[in-house]
């Protein structure tokens, strides 16, 4: 009876604490968490922190969550601690009109020139001419207003031009993008943007960064190195998905990026493994920018499938939001076990603003 009472009180304490994350954050404490940190769907996540409020916002590919609300056009979530997320609204009120058919995929949200820029892909499966567009909001709580096309695959001469990633370095703005292809001009590329970030400086001047067996690029700067995180394998085949994340690094933003073996990732089959599917979660990939908490710990957020739940009843891929601690060893990122964690673990620490 005494043991039962202790367990009951312990469970009650955790329940109460879970309802008061701000109280814990004000003391620099955190609750344990376990994956997934959000479900049923948040594919191709982009995550950014509001510097004024300290709140995090996550954006994902447009999807129908099978709850009767229809397709969410770039769903936006909010969190105070990366572990407790709730849906706020759709970031776009209406679908962009500069392309006839397609979905809005893989939004990448960044603070640019005092506003919030959302670069996004506009594409269908097997699209011969997908492209990258831009929407802008004055605040993360505001509506993103579409600014139209930045470029299409045909215009920039890169097949499957999706998965944008914005990066600013030494006063210059760049867009990285690209996806799977076997065509001669395949690959992930980088191109310089204008000072206002709304267009490219010269559409004929682009730099090949990685081969065409990569997609979902994310660039991260740490110390003297720029790190290229990218995904390989099938993203969207339910429990048969083979998505996994590999890494390369360079001392220059535009490369060359090499894997741990010293091989250039512009060659197919290269890259150093960071995370792959396991017994609990499969199809793990397309990571968001790395988030550093107030204790200096780095966190890796990405999507994947619960190995027991492949798709929703309406056929939507059930890609949930996952998170794991990112460690560094000898200048290379690592995730324990090279797979998504299922057990409860210490959460990120963020002090209340």
Protein backbone atom coordinates (compact mmCIF):
# COMPACT_ATOMS: atom_id res chain seq x y z
CA UNK A 1 0.00 0.00 0.00
CA UNK A 2 2.83 2.37 0.89
CA UNK A 3 4.59 1.63 -2.42
CA UNK A 4 1.36 2.22 -4.33
CA UNK A 5 0.85 5.55 -2.53
CA UNK A 6 4.41 6.65 -3.36
CA UNK A 7 3.93 5.77 -7.01
CA UNK A 8 0.60 7.59 -7.12
CA UNK A 9 2.11 10.72 -5.60
CA UNK A 10 5.05 10.52 -8.01
CA UNK A 11 2.72 10.23 -11.00
CA UNK A 12 0.67 13.16 -9.70
CA UNK A 13 3.81 15.25 -9.31
CA UNK A 14 4.86 14.57 -12.88
CA UNK A 15 1.35 15.35 -14.13
CA UNK A 16 1.32 18.68 -12.32
CA UNK A 17 4.83 19.53 -13.51
CA UNK A 18 3.87 18.73 -17.09
CA UNK A 19 1.15 21.36 -16.80
CA UNK A 20 3.61 23.97 -15.54
CA UNK A 21 6.58 24.04 -17.95
CA UNK A 22 7.07 27.79 -17.41
CA UNK A 23 7.51 27.24 -13.67
CA UNK A 24 10.27 24.73 -14.33
CA UNK A 25 11.86 26.82 -17.04
CA UNK A 26 12.09 29.80 -14.70
CA UNK A 27 14.38 27.66 -12.52
CA UNK A 28 16.39 26.28 -15.42
CA UNK A 29 14.89 22.80 -14.94
CA UNK A 30 13.34 20.41 -17.44
CA UNK A 31 11.12 17.34 -17.48
CA UNK A 32 12.11 14.07 -19.08
CA UNK A 33 10.67 13.53 -22.55
CA UNK A 34 10.33 10.70 -25.01
CA UNK A 35 9.78 10.54 -28.77
CA UNK A 36 7.77 11.55 -30.66
CA UNK A 37 7.55 15.14 -29.45
CA UNK A 38 4.62 15.83 -31.79
CA UNK A 39 2.18 13.70 -33.74
CA UNK A 40 0.35 12.76 -35.95
CA UNK A 41 2.25 14.66 -38.68
CA UNK A 42 4.94 17.31 -39.09
CA UNK A 43 7.03 16.41 -42.12
CA UNK A 44 10.18 18.22 -43.29
CA UNK A 45 10.37 20.43 -40.18
CA UNK A 46 11.83 23.92 -39.96
CA UNK A 47 12.22 25.35 -36.45
CA UNK A 48 13.03 28.87 -35.34
CA UNK A 49 13.07 30.64 -31.95
CA UNK A 50 11.49 34.04 -31.37
CA UNK A 51 14.27 36.09 -29.78
CA UNK A 52 11.75 38.31 -27.95
CA UNK A 53 9.48 35.70 -26.37
CA UNK A 54 11.79 32.68 -26.33
CA UNK A 55 9.04 30.57 -27.92
CA UNK A 56 9.82 28.10 -30.69
CA UNK A 57 7.85 27.79 -33.91
CA UNK A 58 7.89 24.74 -36.15
CA UNK A 59 6.68 24.61 -39.74
CA UNK A 60 6.09 21.59 -41.93
CA UNK A 61 5.03 20.34 -45.35
CA UNK A 62 1.34 20.80 -46.20
CA UNK A 63 -0.57 17.64 -45.21
CA UNK A 64 -4.05 16.37 -44.37
CA UNK A 65 -3.94 15.08 -40.79
CA UNK A 66 -7.08 13.00 -41.30
CA UNK A 67 -9.06 14.84 -38.62
CA UNK A 68 -11.68 16.42 -40.86
CA UNK A 69 -9.93 19.80 -41.03
CA UNK A 70 -8.66 19.17 -44.56
CA UNK A 71 -5.17 19.96 -45.76
CA UNK A 72 -3.13 22.15 -43.47
CA UNK A 73 -1.28 24.59 -45.69
CA UNK A 74 2.12 24.72 -43.97
CA UNK A 75 1.08 23.85 -40.40
CA UNK A 76 2.66 25.98 -37.69
CA UNK A 77 3.32 24.67 -34.16
CA UNK A 78 4.47 26.50 -31.04
CA UNK A 79 6.50 25.33 -28.03
CA UNK A 80 8.30 26.76 -25.03
CA UNK A 81 10.71 23.84 -24.61
CA UNK A 82 10.90 21.76 -27.84
CA UNK A 83 9.08 18.88 -26.13
CA UNK A 84 5.51 20.20 -25.71
CA UNK A 85 4.11 21.39 -29.04
CA UNK A 86 0.67 22.57 -30.07
CA UNK A 87 -0.81 23.49 -33.42
CA UNK A 88 -1.38 27.23 -33.84
CA UNK A 89 -2.60 27.75 -37.40
CA UNK A 90 -1.61 27.41 -41.04
CA UNK A 91 1.24 29.76 -41.89
CA UNK A 92 -0.25 30.40 -45.35
CA UNK A 93 -3.89 31.39 -45.70
CA UNK A 94 -4.05 30.48 -49.37
CA UNK A 95 -2.02 28.42 -51.78
CA UNK A 96 0.46 30.35 -53.96
CA UNK A 97 -0.73 30.84 -57.52
CA UNK A 98 2.50 31.00 -59.52
CA UNK A 99 2.30 27.31 -60.39
CA UNK A 100 -0.72 25.34 -61.58
CA UNK A 101 -0.35 22.10 -59.68
CA UNK A 102 1.58 20.88 -56.68
CA UNK A 103 1.92 20.92 -52.93
CA UNK A 104 3.82 23.28 -50.64
CA UNK A 105 6.72 21.27 -49.27
CA UNK A 106 9.68 21.68 -46.94
CA UNK A 107 9.31 25.28 -45.72
CA UNK A 108 12.49 26.90 -44.43
CA UNK A 109 11.84 29.86 -42.09
CA UNK A 110 14.53 32.35 -41.13
CA UNK A 111 14.80 35.90 -39.80
CA UNK A 112 16.01 38.04 -42.69
CA UNK A 113 16.32 41.83 -42.73
CA UNK A 114 14.08 42.15 -39.67
CA UNK A 115 11.26 40.02 -41.11
CA UNK A 116 10.56 36.30 -41.36
CA UNK A 117 11.21 34.67 -44.72
CA UNK A 118 9.73 31.32 -45.64
CA UNK A 119 11.37 29.70 -48.64
CA UNK A 120 9.30 26.74 -49.81
CA UNK A 121 9.15 24.11 -52.54
CA UNK A 122 6.17 23.95 -54.93
CA UNK A 123 6.00 20.52 -56.53
CA UNK A 124 4.11 17.36 -57.41
CA UNK A 125 5.52 13.82 -57.33
CA UNK A 126 7.58 13.40 -60.48
CA UNK A 127 7.21 17.07 -61.38
CA UNK A 128 9.33 18.01 -64.44
CA UNK A 129 9.53 21.65 -63.30
CA UNK A 130 9.15 22.18 -59.55
CA UNK A 131 10.44 25.39 -58.03
CA UNK A 132 11.27 27.47 -54.99
CA UNK A 133 9.00 30.28 -53.76
CA UNK A 134 9.12 32.86 -50.98
CA UNK A 135 6.56 34.11 -48.45
CA UNK A 136 7.24 36.84 -45.87
CA UNK A 137 5.71 37.71 -42.48
CA UNK A 138 6.37 40.65 -40.16
CA UNK A 139 6.25 38.37 -37.12
CA UNK A 140 6.13 34.65 -36.38
CA UNK A 141 2.53 35.06 -35.23
CA UNK A 142 1.59 36.88 -38.41
CA UNK A 143 0.41 35.49 -41.72
CA UNK A 144 3.03 34.75 -44.35
CA UNK A 145 2.26 36.64 -47.57
CA UNK A 146 3.42 34.96 -50.74
CA UNK A 147 5.99 36.88 -52.80
CA UNK A 148 5.96 34.47 -55.73
CA UNK A 149 8.58 32.36 -57.42
CA UNK A 150 12.31 32.65 -56.79
CA UNK A 151 13.17 30.22 -59.59
CA UNK A 152 11.98 27.00 -61.21
CA UNK A 153 13.96 23.87 -62.09
CA UNK A 154 13.96 24.70 -65.80
CA UNK A 155 15.09 28.28 -65.20
CA UNK A 156 18.00 27.32 -62.95
CA UNK A 157 18.80 24.09 -64.85
CA UNK A 158 18.69 21.85 -61.78
CA UNK A 159 16.23 18.93 -61.85
CA UNK A 160 13.92 18.43 -58.87
CA UNK A 161 14.58 21.87 -57.40
CA UNK A 162 13.00 21.46 -53.95
CA UNK A 163 14.06 21.51 -50.27
CA UNK A 164 15.37 25.08 -49.86
CA UNK A 165 17.82 26.04 -47.12
CA UNK A 166 18.71 29.69 -46.49
CA UNK A 167 22.12 30.60 -45.07
CA UNK A 168 23.71 33.99 -44.46
CA UNK A 169 27.48 34.26 -44.19
CA UNK A 170 29.88 37.18 -44.16
CA UNK A 171 27.20 39.63 -45.21
CA UNK A 172 25.99 37.54 -48.16
CA UNK A 173 22.79 35.54 -48.49
CA UNK A 174 22.64 32.12 -50.11
CA UNK A 175 20.04 29.53 -50.95
CA UNK A 176 20.92 25.83 -50.95
CA UNK A 177 18.51 23.41 -52.61
CA UNK A 178 18.19 20.25 -54.67
CA UNK A 179 16.96 16.69 -54.52
CA UNK A 180 17.19 13.18 -55.93
CA UNK A 181 17.96 12.86 -59.65
CA UNK A 182 20.08 10.83 -62.05
CA UNK A 183 20.16 13.49 -64.76
CA UNK A 184 23.51 15.04 -65.76
CA UNK A 185 22.75 18.31 -63.95
CA UNK A 186 21.54 16.57 -60.76
CA UNK A 187 22.66 17.53 -57.27
CA UNK A 188 22.39 19.93 -54.37
CA UNK A 189 23.46 23.46 -55.29
CA UNK A 190 24.01 26.87 -53.71
CA UNK A 191 23.32 30.24 -55.28
CA UNK A 192 23.78 33.80 -54.03
CA UNK A 193 20.67 35.85 -53.31
CA UNK A 194 20.15 39.59 -53.62
CA UNK A 195 20.57 41.74 -50.52
CA UNK A 196 16.82 41.69 -49.90
CA UNK A 197 16.76 37.89 -50.29
CA UNK A 198 13.91 37.97 -52.82
CA UNK A 199 15.79 36.90 -55.95
CA UNK A 200 19.04 35.39 -57.15
CA UNK A 201 21.97 37.59 -58.12
CA UNK A 202 22.78 35.60 -61.26
CA UNK A 203 20.82 32.47 -62.11
CA UNK A 204 23.72 31.16 -64.19
CA UNK A 205 26.18 31.30 -61.29
CA UNK A 206 25.52 28.36 -59.00
CA UNK A 207 27.84 26.00 -57.14
CA UNK A 208 27.35 22.24 -56.94
CA UNK A 209 27.60 21.15 -53.31
CA UNK A 210 26.56 17.48 -53.31
CA UNK A 211 25.59 14.65 -55.66
CA UNK A 212 22.07 13.75 -56.73
CA UNK A 213 21.61 11.01 -54.15
CA UNK A 214 21.12 13.68 -51.45
CA UNK A 215 18.17 15.90 -50.53
CA UNK A 216 16.89 17.99 -47.60
CA UNK A 217 20.12 19.96 -47.14
CA UNK A 218 20.75 21.86 -43.89
CA UNK A 219 23.93 23.88 -43.34
CA UNK A 220 25.29 24.39 -39.82
CA UNK A 221 28.32 26.46 -38.79
CA UNK A 222 30.36 25.32 -35.79
CA UNK A 223 33.88 26.48 -35.07
CA UNK A 224 35.99 26.50 -38.19
CA UNK A 225 33.69 24.15 -40.12
CA UNK A 226 30.49 24.35 -42.10
CA UNK A 227 28.53 21.11 -41.81
CA UNK A 228 26.31 19.73 -44.56
CA UNK A 229 23.46 17.61 -43.20
CA UNK A 230 21.41 15.80 -45.83
CA UNK A 231 19.06 12.85 -46.27
CA UNK A 232 19.27 9.81 -48.51
CA UNK A 233 16.92 6.90 -49.19
CA UNK A 234 13.14 6.78 -49.63
CA UNK A 235 11.27 9.39 -47.60
CA UNK A 236 7.65 8.53 -48.05
CA UNK A 237 6.87 4.83 -48.28
CA UNK A 238 5.34 4.40 -44.84
CA UNK A 239 7.05 1.71 -42.80
CA UNK A 240 9.21 0.83 -45.82
CA UNK A 241 10.82 4.27 -45.82
CA UNK A 242 14.62 4.16 -45.70
CA UNK A 243 15.39 7.83 -45.06
CA UNK A 244 18.61 8.42 -43.15
CA UNK A 245 20.87 11.42 -42.47
CA UNK A 246 24.53 11.74 -43.38
CA UNK A 247 27.05 14.54 -42.93
CA UNK A 248 29.98 16.19 -44.64
CA UNK A 249 32.00 19.24 -43.63
CA UNK A 250 34.08 22.03 -45.17
CA UNK A 251 36.13 25.02 -44.08
CA UNK A 252 34.36 27.04 -46.82
CA UNK A 253 30.61 27.60 -47.11
CA UNK A 254 30.57 26.65 -50.78
CA UNK A 255 32.75 23.61 -50.28
CA UNK A 256 34.23 21.27 -51.09
CA UNK A 257 32.42 19.21 -48.42
CA UNK A 258 34.14 15.97 -47.41
CA UNK A 259 32.95 13.04 -45.35
CA UNK A 260 34.88 11.51 -42.44
CA UNK A 261 36.87 9.40 -44.91
CA UNK A 262 37.99 12.53 -46.74
CA UNK A 263 35.83 11.81 -49.79
CA UNK A 264 33.90 14.61 -51.57
CA UNK A 265 30.12 14.41 -51.26
CA UNK A 266 29.80 15.58 -54.86
CA UNK A 267 30.40 11.89 -55.60
CA UNK A 268 27.42 9.58 -55.17
CA UNK A 269 27.55 7.16 -52.25
CA UNK A 270 29.56 9.46 -49.99
CA UNK A 271 28.75 10.92 -46.57
CA UNK A 272 29.19 9.95 -42.91
CA UNK A 273 26.16 8.34 -41.27
CA UNK A 274 24.49 10.28 -38.45
CA UNK A 275 21.10 8.60 -37.97
CA UNK A 276 19.05 5.82 -39.57
CA UNK A 277 15.97 3.71 -38.87
CA UNK A 278 15.80 1.26 -35.97
CA UNK A 279 13.20 -0.98 -34.33
CA UNK A 280 11.24 1.96 -32.90
CA UNK A 281 11.39 4.58 -35.65
CA UNK A 282 12.05 4.31 -39.40
CA UNK A 283 12.42 6.77 -42.27
CA UNK A 284 14.31 9.20 -40.02
CA UNK A 285 15.47 12.28 -41.90
CA UNK A 286 14.97 15.82 -43.20
CA UNK A 287 16.25 17.58 -40.11
CA UNK A 288 15.55 21.14 -38.96
CA UNK A 289 18.32 23.61 -38.02
CA UNK A 290 20.20 22.53 -34.91
CA UNK A 291 18.92 24.17 -31.72
CA UNK A 292 21.27 24.95 -28.81
CA UNK A 293 19.64 25.12 -25.38
CA UNK A 294 20.56 27.37 -22.47
CA UNK A 295 23.01 24.78 -21.12
CA UNK A 296 24.89 24.76 -24.43
CA UNK A 297 23.48 21.36 -25.47
CA UNK A 298 22.67 20.82 -29.14
CA UNK A 299 19.39 19.23 -30.25
CA UNK A 300 18.55 17.52 -33.51
CA UNK A 301 14.91 17.64 -34.68
CA UNK A 302 13.69 15.65 -37.66
CA UNK A 303 10.79 13.55 -38.87
CA UNK A 304 10.28 9.79 -38.95
CA UNK A 305 7.70 7.03 -38.71
CA UNK A 306 6.70 5.16 -35.60
CA UNK A 307 7.61 1.60 -36.66
CA UNK A 308 4.08 0.48 -35.71
CA UNK A 309 2.20 3.24 -37.55
CA UNK A 310 3.00 3.91 -41.19
CA UNK A 311 0.11 5.96 -42.55
CA UNK A 312 -3.08 7.65 -41.40
CA UNK A 313 -6.41 6.13 -42.47
CA UNK A 314 -6.64 8.73 -45.26
CA UNK A 315 -3.31 7.59 -46.71
CA UNK A 316 -1.17 10.48 -45.41
CA UNK A 317 2.33 9.43 -44.38
CA UNK A 318 2.42 9.57 -40.59
CA UNK A 319 5.71 11.42 -40.28
CA UNK A 320 6.00 12.50 -36.65
CA UNK A 321 8.37 15.06 -35.12
CA UNK A 322 11.34 13.51 -33.33
CA UNK A 323 14.19 14.97 -31.29
CA UNK A 324 17.51 13.71 -29.97
CA UNK A 325 20.59 15.17 -28.32
CA UNK A 326 23.40 15.88 -30.75
CA UNK A 327 26.92 15.26 -29.49
CA UNK A 328 30.25 16.25 -31.00
CA UNK A 329 33.35 14.08 -31.10
CA UNK A 330 36.59 15.04 -32.82
CA UNK A 331 34.77 17.69 -34.83
CA UNK A 332 31.97 15.40 -36.04
CA UNK A 333 28.32 15.24 -34.94
CA UNK A 334 26.98 12.04 -33.37
CA UNK A 335 23.66 10.69 -32.12
CA UNK A 336 23.73 7.86 -29.59
CA UNK A 337 23.03 4.54 -31.26
CA UNK A 338 22.72 6.27 -34.66
CA UNK A 339 18.95 5.99 -34.32
CA UNK A 340 15.94 7.77 -32.83
CA UNK A 341 15.56 7.25 -29.09
CA UNK A 342 12.44 5.65 -27.63
CA UNK A 343 13.28 5.73 -23.91
CA UNK A 344 12.61 8.71 -21.65
CA UNK A 345 15.56 11.07 -21.40
CA UNK A 346 16.57 14.49 -20.12
CA UNK A 347 14.92 17.30 -22.06
CA UNK A 348 16.48 20.53 -23.30
CA UNK A 349 16.81 23.34 -20.78
CA UNK A 350 15.47 26.78 -21.59
CA UNK A 351 15.18 29.58 -19.05
CA UNK A 352 11.97 31.59 -19.11
CA UNK A 353 12.23 34.97 -20.84
